[in-house]
All heavy atoms as atom14 arrays in JSON, in Angstrom:
{
  "sequence": "YSIEAWIWPGVEKTPWFGVEIDEGTKQWHH",
  "atom14_mask": [
    [1, 1, 1, 1, 1, 1, 1, 1, 1, 1, 1, 1, 0, 0],
    [1, 1, 1, 1, 1, 1, 0, 0, 0, 0, 0, 0, 0, 0],
    [1, 1, 1, 1, 1, 1, 1, 1, 0, 0, 0, 0, 0, 0],
    [1, 1, 1, 1, 1, 1, 1, 1, 1, 0, 0, 0, 0, 0],
    [1, 1, 1, 1, 1, 0, 0, 0, 0, 0, 0, 0, 0, 0],
    [1, 1, 1, 1, 1, 1, 1, 1, 1, 1, 1, 1, 1, 1],
    [1, 1, 1, 1, 1, 1, 1, 1, 0, 0, 0, 0, 0, 0],
    [1, 1, 1, 1, 1, 1, 1, 1, 1, 1, 1, 1, 1, 1],
    [1, 1, 1, 1, 1, 1, 1, 0, 0, 0, 0, 0, 0, 0],
    [1, 1, 1, 1, 0, 0, 0, 0, 0, 0, 0, 0, 0, 0],
    [1, 1, 1, 1, 1, 1, 1, 0, 0, 0, 0, 0, 0, 0],
    [1, 1, 1, 1, 1, 1, 1, 1, 1, 0, 0, 0, 0, 0],
    [1, 1, 1, 1, 1, 1, 1, 1, 1, 0, 0, 0, 0, 0],
    [1, 1, 1, 1, 1, 1, 1, 0, 0, 0, 0, 0, 0, 0],
    [1, 1, 1, 1, 1, 1, 1, 0, 0, 0, 0, 0, 0, 0],
    [1, 1, 1, 1, 1, 1, 1, 1, 1, 1, 1, 1, 1, 1],
    [1, 1, 1, 1, 1, 1, 1, 1, 1, 1, 1, 0, 0, 0],
    [1, 1, 1, 1, 0, 0, 0, 0, 0, 0, 0, 0, 0, 0],
    [1, 1, 1, 1, 1, 1, 1, 0, 0, 0, 0, 0, 0, 0],
    [1, 1, 1, 1, 1, 1, 1, 1, 1, 0, 0, 0, 0, 0],
    [1, 1, 1, 1, 1, 1, 1, 1, 0, 0, 0, 0, 0, 0],
    [1, 1, 1, 1, 1, 1, 1, 1, 0, 0, 0, 0, 0, 0],
    [1, 1, 1, 1, 1, 1, 1, 1, 1, 0, 0, 0, 0, 0],
    [1, 1, 1, 1, 0, 0, 0, 0, 0, 0, 0, 0, 0, 0],
    [1, 1, 1, 1, 1, 1, 1, 0, 0, 0, 0, 0, 0, 0],
    [1, 1, 1, 1, 1, 1, 1, 1, 1, 0, 0, 0, 0, 0],
    [1, 1, 1, 1, 1, 1, 1, 1, 1, 0, 0, 0, 0, 0],
    [1, 1, 1, 1, 1, 1, 1, 1, 1, 1, 1, 1, 1, 1],
    [1, 1, 1, 1, 1, 1, 1, 1, 1, 1, 0, 0, 0, 0],
    [1, 1, 1, 1, 1, 1, 1, 1, 1, 1, 0, 0, 0, 0]
  ],
  "atom14_positions": [
    [[17.12, -8.88, -3.5], [16.53, -8.91, -2.16], [15.04, -8.8, -2.28], [14.47, -8.5, -3.32], [17.05, -7.8, -1.24], [16.84, -6.4, -1.76], [15.66, -5.73, -1.37], [17.7, -5.76, -2.55], [15.4, -4.44, -1.82], [17.48, -4.48, -3.05], [16.37, -3.84, -2.65], [16.07, -2.58, -3.1], [0.0, 0.0, 0.0], [0.0, 0.0, 0.0]],
    [[14.33, -9.01, -1.15], [12.88, -8.84, -1.08], [12.51, -8.06, 0.21], [13.18, -8.27, 1.21], [12.16, -10.21, -1.08], [12.47, -10.98, -2.21], [0.0, 0.0, 0.0], [0.0, 0.0, 0.0], [0.0, 0.0, 0.0], [0.0, 0.0, 0.0], [0.0, 0.0, 0.0], [0.0, 0.0, 0.0], [0.0, 0.0, 0.0], [0.0, 0.0, 0.0]],
    [[11.47, -7.25, 0.12], [10.93, -6.61, 1.26], [9.42, -6.93, 1.31], [8.67, -6.54, 0.44], [11.17, -5.09, 1.23], [12.64, -4.79, 1.17], [10.49, -4.38, 2.43], [12.94, -3.27, 1.07], [0.0, 0.0, 0.0], [0.0, 0.0, 0.0], [0.0, 0.0, 0.0], [0.0, 0.0, 0.0], [0.0, 0.0, 0.0], [0.0, 0.0, 0.0]],
    [[9.06, -7.63, 2.36], [7.68, -8.04, 2.54], [7.0, -7.15, 3.67], [7.67, -6.91, 4.64], [7.62, -9.51, 2.94], [6.2, -10.08, 3.12], [6.28, -11.61, 3.5], [7.32, -11.99, 4.11], [5.37, -12.3, 3.23], [0.0, 0.0, 0.0], [0.0, 0.0, 0.0], [0.0, 0.0, 0.0], [0.0, 0.0, 0.0], [0.0, 0.0, 0.0]],
    [[5.82, -6.7, 3.43], [5.18, -5.88, 4.46], [3.66, -5.85, 4.26], [3.15, -6.12, 3.23], [5.69, -4.44, 4.36], [0.0, 0.0, 0.0], [0.0, 0.0, 0.0], [0.0, 0.0, 0.0], [0.0, 0.0, 0.0], [0.0, 0.0, 0.0], [0.0, 0.0, 0.0], [0.0, 0.0, 0.0], [0.0, 0.0, 0.0], [0.0, 0.0, 0.0]],
    [[2.92, -5.55, 5.33], [1.5, -5.31, 5.3], [1.37, -3.76, 5.44], [1.98, -3.14, 6.23], [0.83, -6.02, 6.44], [0.69, -7.47, 6.26], [1.58, -8.46, 6.59], [-0.42, -8.18, 5.69], [1.14, -9.68, 6.28], [-0.1, -9.59, 5.71], [-1.65, -7.81, 5.15], [-0.97, -10.54, 5.21], [-2.48, -8.79, 4.63], [-2.16, -10.1, 4.69]],
    [[0.49, -3.25, 4.56], [0.18, -1.78, 4.58], [-1.28, -1.54, 4.63], [-2.06, -2.37, 4.17], [0.82, -1.06, 3.34], [0.17, -1.6, 2.06], [2.39, -1.26, 3.31], [0.62, -0.75, 0.78], [0.0, 0.0, 0.0], [0.0, 0.0, 0.0], [0.0, 0.0, 0.0], [0.0, 0.0, 0.0], [0.0, 0.0, 0.0], [0.0, 0.0, 0.0]],
    [[-1.62, -0.43, 5.23], [-3.01, 0.0, 5.41], [-3.07, 1.4, 4.88], [-2.83, 2.39, 5.65], [-3.35, -0.07, 6.9], [-4.74, 0.2, 7.37], [-5.75, -0.7, 7.54], [-5.28, 1.45, 7.81], [-6.88, -0.1, 8.06], [-6.57, 1.23, 8.16], [-4.79, 2.76, 7.83], [-7.46, 2.25, 8.66], [-5.6, 3.81, 8.28], [-6.93, 3.51, 8.67]],
    [[-3.37, 1.66, 3.64], [-3.38, 3.04, 3.08], [-4.41, 3.86, 3.73], [-5.6, 3.52, 3.84], [-3.67, 2.86, 1.57], [-3.35, 1.4, 1.28], [-3.67, 0.63, 2.55], [0.0, 0.0, 0.0], [0.0, 0.0, 0.0], [0.0, 0.0, 0.0], [0.0, 0.0, 0.0], [0.0, 0.0, 0.0], [0.0, 0.0, 0.0], [0.0, 0.0, 0.0]],
    [[-3.99, 5.07, 4.24], [-4.9, 5.95, 4.86], [-5.67, 6.88, 3.93], [-6.64, 7.51, 4.29], [0.0, 0.0, 0.0], [0.0, 0.0, 0.0], [0.0, 0.0, 0.0], [0.0, 0.0, 0.0], [0.0, 0.0, 0.0], [0.0, 0.0, 0.0], [0.0, 0.0, 0.0], [0.0, 0.0, 0.0], [0.0, 0.0, 0.0], [0.0, 0.0, 0.0]],
    [[-5.06, 7.06, 2.71], [-5.66, 7.9, 1.7], [-5.61, 7.17, 0.36], [-4.87, 6.17, 0.2], [-4.9, 9.25, 1.63], [-5.04, 10.05, 2.87], [-3.45, 9.01, 1.23], [0.0, 0.0, 0.0], [0.0, 0.0, 0.0], [0.0, 0.0, 0.0], [0.0, 0.0, 0.0], [0.0, 0.0, 0.0], [0.0, 0.0, 0.0], [0.0, 0.0, 0.0]],
    [[-6.31, 7.66, -0.62], [-6.33, 7.01, -1.93], [-5.04, 7.25, -2.68], [-4.47, 8.32, -2.6], [-7.52, 7.54, -2.74], [-8.9, 7.13, -2.16], [-10.06, 7.57, -3.05], [-9.74, 8.34, -4.04], [-11.15, 7.24, -2.72], [0.0, 0.0, 0.0], [0.0, 0.0, 0.0], [0.0, 0.0, 0.0], [0.0, 0.0, 0.0], [0.0, 0.0, 0.0]],
    [[-4.61, 6.27, -3.43], [-3.49, 6.4, -4.37], [-2.22, 6.91, -3.64], [-1.52, 7.72, -4.17], [-3.84, 7.26, -5.56], [-4.99, 6.69, -6.39], [-5.22, 7.51, -7.64], [-6.33, 6.89, -8.48], [-6.61, 7.67, -9.75], [0.0, 0.0, 0.0], [0.0, 0.0, 0.0], [0.0, 0.0, 0.0], [0.0, 0.0, 0.0], [0.0, 0.0, 0.0]],
    [[-1.93, 6.36, -2.52], [-0.71, 6.74, -1.82], [0.46, 5.84, -2.33], [0.22, 4.67, -2.56], [-0.87, 6.65, -0.32], [0.3, 7.12, 0.34], [-1.16, 5.22, 0.16], [0.0, 0.0, 0.0], [0.0, 0.0, 0.0], [0.0, 0.0, 0.0], [0.0, 0.0, 0.0], [0.0, 0.0, 0.0], [0.0, 0.0, 0.0], [0.0, 0.0, 0.0]],
    [[1.63, 6.37, -2.55], [2.74, 5.55, -3.18], [3.4, 4.63, -2.18], [3.71, 4.96, -1.04], [3.67, 6.59, -3.69], [3.51, 7.82, -2.79], [2.03, 7.74, -2.44], [0.0, 0.0, 0.0], [0.0, 0.0, 0.0], [0.0, 0.0, 0.0], [0.0, 0.0, 0.0], [0.0, 0.0, 0.0], [0.0, 0.0, 0.0], [0.0, 0.0, 0.0]],
    [[3.64, 3.38, -2.63], [4.44, 2.42, -1.86], [5.56, 1.95, -2.79], [5.3, 1.37, -3.82], [3.58, 1.25, -1.46], [4.22, 0.23, -0.58], [4.55, -1.02, -0.91], [4.75, 0.46, 0.78], [5.16, -1.67, 0.1], [5.27, -0.76, 1.17], [4.71, 1.53, 1.64], [5.82, -0.95, 2.45], [5.26, 1.32, 2.92], [5.83, 0.14, 3.25]],
    [[6.77, 2.29, -2.49], [7.94, 2.06, -3.32], [7.7, 2.64, -4.7], [8.03, 2.06, -5.77], [8.29, 0.58, -3.43], [8.84, 0.07, -2.11], [8.15, -0.91, -1.37], [10.13, 0.47, -1.67], [8.7, -1.34, -0.19], [10.65, -0.01, -0.52], [9.96, -0.91, 0.21], [0.0, 0.0, 0.0], [0.0, 0.0, 0.0], [0.0, 0.0, 0.0]],
    [[7.19, 3.85, -4.74], [7.0, 4.6, -5.93], [5.77, 4.22, -6.8], [5.59, 4.79, -7.87], [0.0, 0.0, 0.0], [0.0, 0.0, 0.0], [0.0, 0.0, 0.0], [0.0, 0.0, 0.0], [0.0, 0.0, 0.0], [0.0, 0.0, 0.0], [0.0, 0.0, 0.0], [0.0, 0.0, 0.0], [0.0, 0.0, 0.0], [0.0, 0.0, 0.0]],
    [[5.0, 3.26, -6.33], [3.82, 2.8, -7.08], [2.58, 3.17, -6.32], [2.42, 2.9, -5.15], [3.85, 1.28, -7.28], [2.6, 0.8, -8.07], [5.15, 0.84, -8.0], [0.0, 0.0, 0.0], [0.0, 0.0, 0.0], [0.0, 0.0, 0.0], [0.0, 0.0, 0.0], [0.0, 0.0, 0.0], [0.0, 0.0, 0.0], [0.0, 0.0, 0.0]],
    [[1.6, 3.88, -7.0], [0.39, 4.3, -6.34], [-0.42, 3.04, -6.0], [-0.73, 2.21, -6.87], [-0.4, 5.24, -7.25], [0.17, 6.61, -7.31], [-0.74, 7.6, -8.01], [-1.78, 7.08, -8.64], [-0.48, 8.79, -8.01], [0.0, 0.0, 0.0], [0.0, 0.0, 0.0], [0.0, 0.0, 0.0], [0.0, 0.0, 0.0], [0.0, 0.0, 0.0]],
    [[-0.86, 2.93, -4.74], [-1.59, 1.8, -4.3], [-3.1, 2.17, -4.37], [-3.56, 3.17, -3.72], [-1.28, 1.42, -2.8], [0.24, 1.09, -2.75], [-2.11, 0.24, -2.34], [0.65, -0.09, -3.63], [0.0, 0.0, 0.0], [0.0, 0.0, 0.0], [0.0, 0.0, 0.0], [0.0, 0.0, 0.0], [0.0, 0.0, 0.0], [0.0, 0.0, 0.0]],
    [[-3.83, 1.47, -5.17], [-5.27, 1.74, -5.36], [-6.07, 0.46, -5.17], [-6.91, 0.11, -5.92], [-5.49, 2.28, -6.8], [-6.85, 2.97, -6.94], [-7.44, 3.32, -5.9], [-7.32, 3.14, -8.08], [0.0, 0.0, 0.0], [0.0, 0.0, 0.0], [0.0, 0.0, 0.0], [0.0, 0.0, 0.0], [0.0, 0.0, 0.0], [0.0, 0.0, 0.0]],
    [[-5.72, -0.18, -4.07], [-6.39, -1.47, -3.79], [-7.45, -1.4, -2.68], [-7.95, -2.4, -2.27], [-5.29, -2.52, -3.26], [-4.16, -2.67, -4.28], [-4.58, -3.54, -5.46], [-5.42, -4.44, -5.31], [-4.12, -3.24, -6.59], [0.0, 0.0, 0.0], [0.0, 0.0, 0.0], [0.0, 0.0, 0.0], [0.0, 0.0, 0.0], [0.0, 0.0, 0.0]],
    [[-7.74, -0.16, -2.29], [-8.77, -0.01, -1.19], [-8.13, 0.62, 0.01], [-7.21, 0.09, 0.6], [0.0, 0.0, 0.0], [0.0, 0.0, 0.0], [0.0, 0.0, 0.0], [0.0, 0.0, 0.0], [0.0, 0.0, 0.0], [0.0, 0.0, 0.0], [0.0, 0.0, 0.0], [0.0, 0.0, 0.0], [0.0, 0.0, 0.0], [0.0, 0.0, 0.0]],
    [[-8.67, 1.77, 0.45], [-8.13, 2.47, 1.62], [-8.65, 1.86, 2.87], [-9.71, 1.22, 2.92], [-8.42, 3.95, 1.57], [-9.87, 4.11, 1.53], [-7.84, 4.59, 0.36], [0.0, 0.0, 0.0], [0.0, 0.0, 0.0], [0.0, 0.0, 0.0], [0.0, 0.0, 0.0], [0.0, 0.0, 0.0], [0.0, 0.0, 0.0], [0.0, 0.0, 0.0]],
    [[-7.87, 2.07, 3.94], [-8.24, 1.6, 5.3], [-8.6, 0.18, 5.35], [-9.48, -0.33, 6.04], [-9.4, 2.5, 5.86], [-9.02, 4.02, 5.87], [-10.12, 4.89, 6.46], [-9.65, 6.31, 6.45], [-10.68, 7.2, 6.95], [0.0, 0.0, 0.0], [0.0, 0.0, 0.0], [0.0, 0.0, 0.0], [0.0, 0.0, 0.0], [0.0, 0.0, 0.0]],
    [[-7.81, -0.6, 4.6], [-7.78, -2.06, 4.61], [-6.4, -2.57, 4.56], [-5.48, -1.91, 4.03], [-8.55, -2.6, 3.4], [-10.0, -2.17, 3.3], [-10.6, -2.64, 1.98], [-10.36, -3.82, 1.53], [-11.42, -1.81, 1.32], [0.0, 0.0, 0.0], [0.0, 0.0, 0.0], [0.0, 0.0, 0.0], [0.0, 0.0, 0.0], [0.0, 0.0, 0.0]],
    [[-6.12, -3.72, 5.14], [-4.78, -4.27, 5.17], [-4.54, -5.03, 3.86], [-5.37, -5.77, 3.35], [-4.6, -5.22, 6.31], [-4.4, -4.45, 7.66], [-5.28, -4.37, 8.65], [-3.22, -3.76, 7.98], [-4.74, -3.63, 9.69], [-3.5, -3.23, 9.3], [-1.96, -3.5, 7.4], [-2.59, -2.39, 10.0], [-1.08, -2.72, 8.14], [-1.36, -2.19, 9.36]],
    [[-3.26, -4.78, 3.27], [-2.88, -5.42, 2.07], [-1.46, -5.98, 2.2], [-0.57, -5.26, 2.78], [-2.91, -4.41, 0.88], [-4.26, -3.8, 0.6], [-5.27, -4.48, 0.1], [-4.67, -2.49, 0.96], [-6.34, -3.67, 0.0], [-5.98, -2.47, 0.5], [0.0, 0.0, 0.0], [0.0, 0.0, 0.0], [0.0, 0.0, 0.0], [0.0, 0.0, 0.0]],
    [[-1.27, -7.16, 1.73], [0.1, -7.79, 1.75], [0.87, -7.36, 0.54], [0.36, -7.31, -0.57], [-0.07, -9.36, 1.71], [1.23, -10.03, 1.77], [1.91, -10.37, 0.58], [2.02, -10.45, 2.76], [3.02, -11.0, 0.89], [3.12, -11.07, 2.15], [0.0, 0.0, 0.0], [0.0, 0.0, 0.0], [0.0, 0.0, 0.0], [0.0, 0.0, 0.0]]
  ]
}
């Protein structure tokens, strides 16, 4: 399966499906 979503991290290195997102806070990411 696939899960597609847009996320806007509010803090640095917050996990998304167990992976720390370090792509820029307070910005939208696909």
